[in-house]
Amino acid sequence: MALLILLLRTISAAQQWRVMPMGDSITFGVGYSGGYRCLLGSLLGRHGIQLVGPMHDFCGGFAGFAGKTLQQIANQSKDAMAAAHPDVVVLQAGTNDFYFKDWPAYPGLGANVSVAAERLESLLDDLYDASSNLTVALSTVTEINTTLCSTAPAPCPADMASNIASFNAMLPYIVAMQQAKSRRIVLHDINAASKWAAGDNSNDGIHFSQEGYVKIARAWWSSLLPLAPPELGSTTTTTTSSRRLRGC
């Protein structure tokens, strides 16, 4: 009977824990269909947890706005939050702010580091305005492969890699400021966790191959574990340690 009660509590907690992947084309899955979301959704699904969002595909729900900047994602955030009612937002965005910086065809679309930081803070304000009890798992911006990116049909700006590094260096301060407002937010260093290697990127140097997205999924899974409801803690940890993670 005690085991049955524990199982029912675990199922109930899983059903109430709603995780929404939010971001740009890396969340959408450019380079490999579904990107990291399929494997992450599979791992969460073992415990009855589903990915949610205003968009849906074979990997589950999500809010992936391909080609969009932080500001443009913020413009979509109110509707996304209203549609999905997530408990956790897995936020991975910012690449396009630096990709479109100084493009004559798109004046004002891109951003320098300080403007991108302001855009991120505005997006976070919008998310917490929609749900004050929200937890945000904020990722650093993924590093680019400068060799591949410089030879792509639409090459990256020369300062894109350095701007990403400078922006990422600001994120601990931004997170600390959010926490000082009693907001639930954690920083996830996707680059340190994934340990990029040759073959992880797609040909454009920005997006990822299947191998790269599997690394992102594994890293997100490890980052989300401490955020899971207590009823899921023991089963989640045991399952993860006893099985090797696989691509989907």
Protein backbone atom coordinates (compact mmCIF):
# COMPACT_ATOMS: atom_id res chain seq x y z
CA MET A 1 0.00 0.00 0.00
CA ALA A 2 2.82 2.43 0.90
CA LEU A 3 4.49 1.70 -2.45
CA LEU A 4 1.23 2.36 -4.28
CA ILE A 5 0.78 5.70 -2.50
CA LEU A 6 4.35 6.71 -3.39
CA LEU A 7 3.76 5.75 -7.02
CA LEU A 8 0.55 7.77 -7.20
CA ARG A 9 2.28 10.78 -5.67
CA THR A 10 5.11 10.46 -8.19
CA ILE A 11 2.67 10.30 -11.11
CA SER A 12 0.74 13.27 -9.74
CA ALA A 13 3.91 15.34 -9.37
CA ALA A 14 5.02 14.45 -12.89
CA GLN A 15 1.71 15.44 -14.38
CA GLN A 16 1.87 18.79 -12.60
CA TRP A 17 5.46 19.57 -13.66
CA ARG A 18 5.28 21.24 -17.05
CA VAL A 19 8.50 21.99 -18.93
CA MET A 20 8.57 24.36 -21.92
CA PRO A 21 11.66 24.55 -24.15
CA MET A 22 11.86 28.15 -25.41
CA GLY A 23 14.32 29.77 -27.77
CA ASP A 24 15.35 30.18 -31.39
CA SER A 25 16.29 27.73 -34.14
CA ILE A 26 18.41 25.60 -31.80
CA THR A 27 15.27 24.95 -29.76
CA PHE A 28 13.30 24.45 -32.98
CA GLY A 29 15.88 21.91 -34.15
CA VAL A 30 17.53 23.29 -37.30
CA GLY A 31 20.29 20.91 -38.43
CA TYR A 32 18.63 17.80 -37.01
CA SER A 33 14.88 17.40 -36.87
CA GLY A 34 13.57 18.09 -33.37
CA GLY A 35 17.03 19.03 -32.13
CA TYR A 36 17.69 18.25 -28.47
CA ARG A 37 13.99 18.09 -27.61
CA CYS A 38 13.37 14.51 -28.69
CA LEU A 39 15.91 12.96 -26.36
CA LEU A 40 15.11 15.35 -23.51
CA GLY A 41 11.40 14.66 -23.97
CA SER A 42 12.08 10.92 -23.94
CA LEU A 43 14.03 11.14 -20.70
CA LEU A 44 11.35 13.25 -19.04
CA GLY A 45 8.62 11.07 -20.50
CA ARG A 46 9.91 8.05 -18.58
CA HIS A 47 8.54 9.80 -15.51
CA GLY A 48 5.30 10.98 -17.07
CA ILE A 49 6.59 14.52 -17.68
CA GLN A 50 5.69 16.08 -21.01
CA LEU A 51 7.24 18.99 -22.84
CA VAL A 52 4.67 21.75 -23.36
CA GLY A 53 4.39 24.82 -25.54
CA PRO A 54 2.31 26.57 -28.20
CA MET A 55 4.02 24.53 -30.93
CA HIS A 56 3.91 20.76 -31.26
CA ASP A 57 5.76 18.10 -33.24
CA PHE A 58 6.77 14.46 -32.76
CA CYS A 59 9.05 15.50 -29.87
CA GLY A 60 6.29 17.25 -27.90
CA GLY A 61 5.39 20.83 -27.10
CA PHE A 62 7.84 23.74 -27.41
CA ALA A 63 8.25 27.43 -28.19
CA GLY A 64 11.02 27.53 -30.79
CA PHE A 65 11.14 30.67 -32.92
CA ALA A 66 13.69 30.03 -35.66
CA GLY A 67 15.66 33.07 -36.76
CA LYS A 68 14.31 35.29 -33.97
CA THR A 69 16.18 37.54 -31.56
CA LEU A 70 15.62 37.86 -27.82
CA GLN A 71 13.37 40.85 -28.45
CA GLN A 72 11.28 38.97 -31.01
CA ILE A 73 10.96 35.98 -28.69
CA ALA A 74 9.82 38.33 -25.93
CA ASN A 75 7.09 39.55 -28.26
CA GLN A 76 5.82 35.96 -28.47
CA SER A 77 6.32 35.05 -24.82
CA LYS A 78 2.96 36.23 -23.46
CA ASP A 79 0.99 34.05 -25.87
CA ALA A 80 3.36 31.12 -25.34
CA MET A 81 2.97 31.27 -21.57
CA ALA A 82 -0.79 31.58 -21.82
CA ALA A 83 -0.99 28.56 -24.12
CA ALA A 84 1.32 26.25 -22.18
CA HIS A 85 1.21 27.30 -18.49
CA PRO A 86 4.69 25.90 -17.81
CA ASP A 87 6.27 25.43 -14.40
CA VAL A 88 9.75 25.53 -15.93
CA VAL A 89 11.00 27.37 -19.00
CA VAL A 90 14.15 25.98 -20.56
CA LEU A 91 15.44 29.19 -22.16
CA GLN A 92 18.15 29.02 -24.81
CA ALA A 93 18.35 32.12 -27.02
CA GLY A 94 20.52 35.05 -28.09
CA THR A 95 22.38 33.68 -31.11
CA ASN A 96 20.44 35.75 -33.63
CA ASP A 97 21.04 39.00 -31.77
CA PHE A 98 24.73 38.62 -32.59
CA TYR A 99 24.25 37.01 -35.98
CA PHE A 100 22.19 39.95 -37.30
CA LYS A 101 24.35 42.61 -35.68
CA ASP A 102 25.28 45.33 -38.22
CA TRP A 103 23.49 43.66 -41.14
CA PRO A 104 22.51 46.53 -43.49
CA ALA A 105 19.45 44.60 -44.68
CA TYR A 106 18.14 44.30 -41.09
CA PRO A 107 18.86 47.61 -39.32
CA GLY A 108 18.18 47.38 -35.60
CA LEU A 109 17.44 43.66 -35.67
CA GLY A 110 20.73 42.53 -34.16
CA ALA A 111 22.36 43.84 -31.02
CA ASN A 112 25.63 44.46 -29.26
CA VAL A 113 26.29 42.80 -25.92
CA SER A 114 24.74 45.47 -23.70
CA VAL A 115 21.58 45.73 -25.80
CA ALA A 116 21.25 41.94 -25.88
CA ALA A 117 21.51 41.89 -22.09
CA GLU A 118 18.71 44.45 -21.86
CA ARG A 119 16.61 42.35 -24.22
CA LEU A 120 17.16 39.27 -22.07
CA GLU A 121 16.12 41.14 -18.93
CA SER A 122 12.98 42.36 -20.70
CA LEU A 123 12.15 38.80 -21.81
CA LEU A 124 12.59 37.55 -18.25
CA ASP A 125 10.32 40.33 -16.98
CA ASP A 126 7.65 39.19 -19.45
CA LEU A 127 7.96 35.56 -18.40
CA TYR A 128 7.69 36.33 -14.69
CA ASP A 129 4.84 38.78 -15.30
CA ALA A 130 2.99 35.85 -16.84
CA SER A 131 3.81 33.55 -13.91
CA SER A 132 5.49 34.72 -10.72
CA ASN A 133 5.98 31.09 -9.62
CA LEU A 134 7.87 30.21 -12.78
CA THR A 135 11.33 28.64 -12.72
CA VAL A 136 13.65 29.60 -15.58
CA ALA A 137 16.58 27.39 -16.51
CA LEU A 138 18.66 29.88 -18.50
CA SER A 139 21.30 28.63 -20.89
CA THR A 140 24.41 30.40 -22.03
CA VAL A 141 24.45 31.09 -25.78
CA THR A 142 26.01 28.18 -27.64
CA GLU A 143 29.45 28.84 -29.05
CA ILE A 144 29.85 28.84 -32.83
CA ASN A 145 32.34 26.97 -35.00
CA THR A 146 34.06 29.98 -36.53
CA THR A 147 35.71 27.98 -39.31
CA LEU A 148 32.43 26.56 -40.58
CA CYS A 149 30.54 29.77 -39.95
CA SER A 150 32.99 31.94 -41.90
CA THR A 151 32.56 29.82 -45.02
CA ALA A 152 28.79 29.38 -44.83
CA PRO A 153 26.61 30.90 -47.59
CA ALA A 154 25.59 33.63 -45.13
CA PRO A 155 28.74 33.89 -43.00
CA CYS A 156 28.73 34.98 -39.37
CA PRO A 157 29.95 38.46 -38.41
CA ALA A 158 33.64 38.53 -37.54
CA ASP A 159 32.90 39.58 -33.96
CA MET A 160 30.08 37.10 -33.34
CA ALA A 161 32.16 34.61 -31.32
CA SER A 162 33.64 37.32 -29.10
CA ASN A 163 30.22 38.92 -28.56
CA ILE A 164 28.78 35.56 -27.51
CA ALA A 165 31.65 35.06 -25.05
CA SER A 166 31.18 38.56 -23.58
CA PHE A 167 27.41 38.07 -23.29
CA ASN A 168 27.83 34.71 -21.57
CA ALA A 169 30.24 36.30 -19.10
CA MET A 170 27.46 38.73 -18.09
CA LEU A 171 24.88 36.03 -17.40
CA PRO A 172 25.92 35.18 -13.81
CA TYR A 173 25.39 38.84 -12.90
CA ILE A 174 22.01 38.94 -14.65
CA VAL A 175 20.92 35.75 -12.89
CA ALA A 176 22.05 37.11 -9.51
CA MET A 177 20.02 40.27 -10.10
CA GLN A 178 16.96 38.17 -10.95
CA GLN A 179 17.44 36.05 -7.82
CA ALA A 180 17.66 39.25 -5.77
CA LYS A 181 14.10 39.91 -6.94
CA SER A 182 13.11 36.52 -5.45
CA ARG A 183 12.75 35.01 -8.90
CA ARG A 184 13.44 31.32 -9.41
CA ILE A 185 16.19 31.12 -12.00
CA VAL A 186 19.28 28.97 -12.52
CA LEU A 187 22.12 29.37 -15.03
CA HIS A 188 23.04 26.45 -17.24
CA ASP A 189 26.45 26.64 -18.97
CA ILE A 190 25.69 24.58 -22.04
CA ASN A 191 29.18 25.03 -23.48
CA ALA A 192 31.02 23.77 -20.41
CA ALA A 193 28.60 20.86 -20.02
CA SER A 194 28.64 19.77 -23.65
CA LYS A 195 32.40 19.90 -24.32
CA TRP A 196 32.02 20.49 -28.06
CA ALA A 197 34.09 18.41 -30.47
CA ALA A 198 34.55 18.11 -34.22
CA GLY A 199 31.33 16.89 -35.81
CA ASP A 200 29.01 18.44 -33.23
CA ASN A 201 28.02 21.35 -35.51
CA SER A 202 26.06 21.32 -38.73
CA ASN A 203 27.67 22.81 -41.84
CA ASP A 204 26.74 26.40 -40.98
CA GLY A 205 28.75 26.35 -37.75
CA ILE A 206 25.81 27.68 -35.70
CA HIS A 207 23.40 24.77 -35.47
CA PHE A 208 24.15 21.20 -34.51
CA SER A 209 24.36 17.68 -35.83
CA GLN A 210 22.60 14.78 -34.16
CA GLU A 211 25.67 14.26 -31.98
CA GLY A 212 25.67 17.90 -30.90
CA TYR A 213 21.99 17.93 -30.04
CA VAL A 214 22.37 14.72 -28.01
CA LYS A 215 25.03 16.50 -25.95
CA ILE A 216 22.64 19.43 -25.41
CA ALA A 217 19.86 17.07 -24.30
CA ARG A 218 22.13 15.28 -21.85
CA ALA A 219 23.33 18.57 -20.43
CA TRP A 220 19.79 19.90 -20.03
CA TRP A 221 18.69 16.67 -18.37
CA SER A 222 21.43 16.97 -15.75
CA SER A 223 20.56 20.63 -15.18
CA LEU A 224 16.84 19.94 -14.79
CA LEU A 225 17.27 17.08 -12.29
CA PRO A 226 17.76 19.36 -9.26
CA LEU A 227 14.63 21.30 -10.25
CA ALA A 228 12.37 18.26 -10.36
CA PRO A 229 9.64 17.81 -7.71
CA PRO A 230 10.94 15.93 -4.64
CA GLU A 231 8.68 12.96 -5.41
CA LEU A 232 10.63 12.42 -8.63
CA GLY A 233 14.10 12.83 -7.19
CA SER A 234 14.98 9.25 -6.25
CA THR A 235 13.42 7.55 -9.28
CA THR A 236 14.86 10.10 -11.69
CA THR A 237 18.39 9.82 -10.34
CA THR A 238 18.33 6.03 -10.26
CA THR A 239 17.04 5.71 -13.80
CA THR A 240 19.59 8.14 -15.17
CA SER A 241 22.54 6.45 -13.51
CA SER A 242 21.54 2.97 -14.62
CA ARG A 243 20.99 3.68 -18.30
CA ARG A 244 23.17 5.21 -20.95
CA LEU A 245 21.54 8.12 -22.70
CA ARG A 246 20.93 7.54 -26.38
CA GLY A 247 20.02 9.69 -29.33
CA CYS A 248 16.58 9.30 -30.82
